[in-house]
Amino acid sequence: MATRDSVENLLIEGQHIIQQAEEQLDMSNRSQFMMNEDYTNAHLELEKLSQSIDRVMKSANSQQRDQLHRFQLVVNEKLNDMILDQIDVTKYE
């Protein structure tokens, strides 16, 4: 069973990762789709976060699973935004 602390720590760490991804998305949109290593790292961190959520969800109780599922939806939305931005970049290169 997932402990309350492990779920809370994952959510706090995840919020930080999402904030970094949002900053990178904002910067790439301002610089006309110029992507750099920070953008790629933010994308990779979101992927790792998604995998961590999946692992913790397996041992979570129903309330924690619901909370993690909602958080997973937010993470997936950011991942999709980043992927679509990458597709836009390759379209114009």
Protein backbone atom coordinates (compact mmCIF):
# COMPACT_ATOMS: atom_id res chain seq x y z
CA MET A 1 0.00 0.00 0.00
CA ALA A 2 1.27 3.44 -0.90
CA THR A 3 1.90 5.67 2.06
CA ARG A 4 0.33 9.07 2.32
CA ASP A 5 3.79 10.65 2.36
CA SER A 6 4.88 8.91 -0.83
CA VAL A 7 1.78 10.12 -2.67
CA GLU A 8 2.17 13.66 -1.33
CA ASN A 9 5.86 13.75 -2.25
CA LEU A 10 5.07 12.53 -5.75
CA LEU A 11 2.41 15.20 -6.19
CA ILE A 12 4.71 17.96 -4.90
CA GLU A 13 7.60 16.83 -7.09
CA GLY A 14 5.20 16.46 -10.00
CA GLN A 15 3.92 20.01 -9.61
CA HIS A 16 7.49 21.25 -9.87
CA ILE A 17 8.09 19.18 -13.02
CA ILE A 18 4.85 20.43 -14.58
CA GLN A 19 5.83 24.02 -13.79
CA GLN A 20 9.18 23.51 -15.54
CA ALA A 21 7.43 22.01 -18.55
CA GLU A 22 5.01 24.94 -18.71
CA GLU A 23 7.93 27.36 -18.63
CA GLN A 24 9.64 25.50 -21.48
CA LEU A 25 6.41 25.42 -23.49
CA ASP A 26 5.98 29.14 -22.97
CA MET A 27 9.58 29.86 -23.98
CA SER A 28 9.31 27.70 -27.10
CA ASN A 29 6.11 29.46 -28.12
CA ARG A 30 7.72 32.87 -27.62
CA SER A 31 10.83 31.98 -29.59
CA GLN A 32 8.88 30.62 -32.54
CA PHE A 33 9.29 26.94 -31.75
CA MET A 34 12.99 27.02 -30.90
CA MET A 35 13.62 23.95 -28.77
CA ASN A 36 16.68 23.35 -26.68
CA GLU A 37 18.08 20.84 -24.23
CA ASP A 38 15.99 22.24 -21.37
CA TYR A 39 12.82 21.59 -23.38
CA THR A 40 13.89 18.02 -24.06
CA ASN A 41 14.78 17.48 -20.40
CA ALA A 42 11.41 18.82 -19.27
CA HIS A 43 9.71 16.40 -21.65
CA LEU A 44 11.76 13.48 -20.32
CA GLU A 45 10.97 14.46 -16.73
CA LEU A 46 7.26 14.44 -17.56
CA GLU A 47 7.65 10.95 -19.01
CA LYS A 48 9.41 9.76 -15.85
CA LEU A 49 6.71 11.38 -13.73
CA SER A 50 4.02 9.56 -15.68
CA GLN A 51 5.78 6.24 -15.08
CA SER A 52 6.19 7.02 -11.38
CA ILE A 53 2.49 7.77 -11.08
CA ASP A 54 1.70 4.42 -12.70
CA ARG A 55 3.97 2.58 -10.23
CA VAL A 56 2.53 4.30 -7.16
CA MET A 57 -1.03 3.88 -8.40
CA LYS A 58 -0.62 0.09 -8.33
CA SER A 59 -0.20 0.10 -4.56
CA ALA A 60 -2.53 3.00 -3.74
CA ASN A 61 -5.91 2.81 -2.06
CA SER A 62 -9.01 3.95 -3.96
CA GLN A 63 -8.85 7.57 -2.77
CA GLN A 64 -5.16 7.83 -3.66
CA ARG A 65 -5.78 6.18 -7.06
CA ASP A 66 -8.44 8.77 -7.82
CA GLN A 67 -6.11 11.61 -6.84
CA LEU A 68 -3.24 10.12 -8.85
CA HIS A 69 -5.49 9.50 -11.84
CA ARG A 70 -6.53 13.15 -11.93
CA PHE A 71 -2.89 14.16 -11.65
CA GLN A 72 -1.98 11.74 -14.45
CA LEU A 73 -4.49 13.52 -16.69
CA VAL A 74 -2.71 16.83 -16.08
CA VAL A 75 0.68 15.26 -16.82
CA ASN A 76 -0.63 13.68 -20.02
CA GLU A 77 -2.05 17.02 -21.14
CA LYS A 78 1.38 18.67 -20.75
CA LEU A 79 3.06 15.78 -22.54
CA ASN A 80 0.60 16.12 -25.42
CA ASP A 81 1.24 19.87 -25.60
CA MET A 82 4.97 19.26 -25.80
CA ILE A 83 4.60 16.54 -28.43
CA LEU A 84 2.35 18.70 -30.56
CA ASP A 85 4.84 21.57 -30.32
CA GLN A 86 7.58 19.20 -31.52
CA ILE A 87 5.42 18.17 -34.47
CA ASP A 88 4.85 21.83 -35.32
CA VAL A 89 8.61 22.43 -35.27
CA THR A 90 9.39 19.60 -37.67
CA LYS A 91 6.65 20.79 -39.97
CA TYR A 92 8.37 24.15 -40.43
CA GLU A 93 11.98 23.00 -40.60
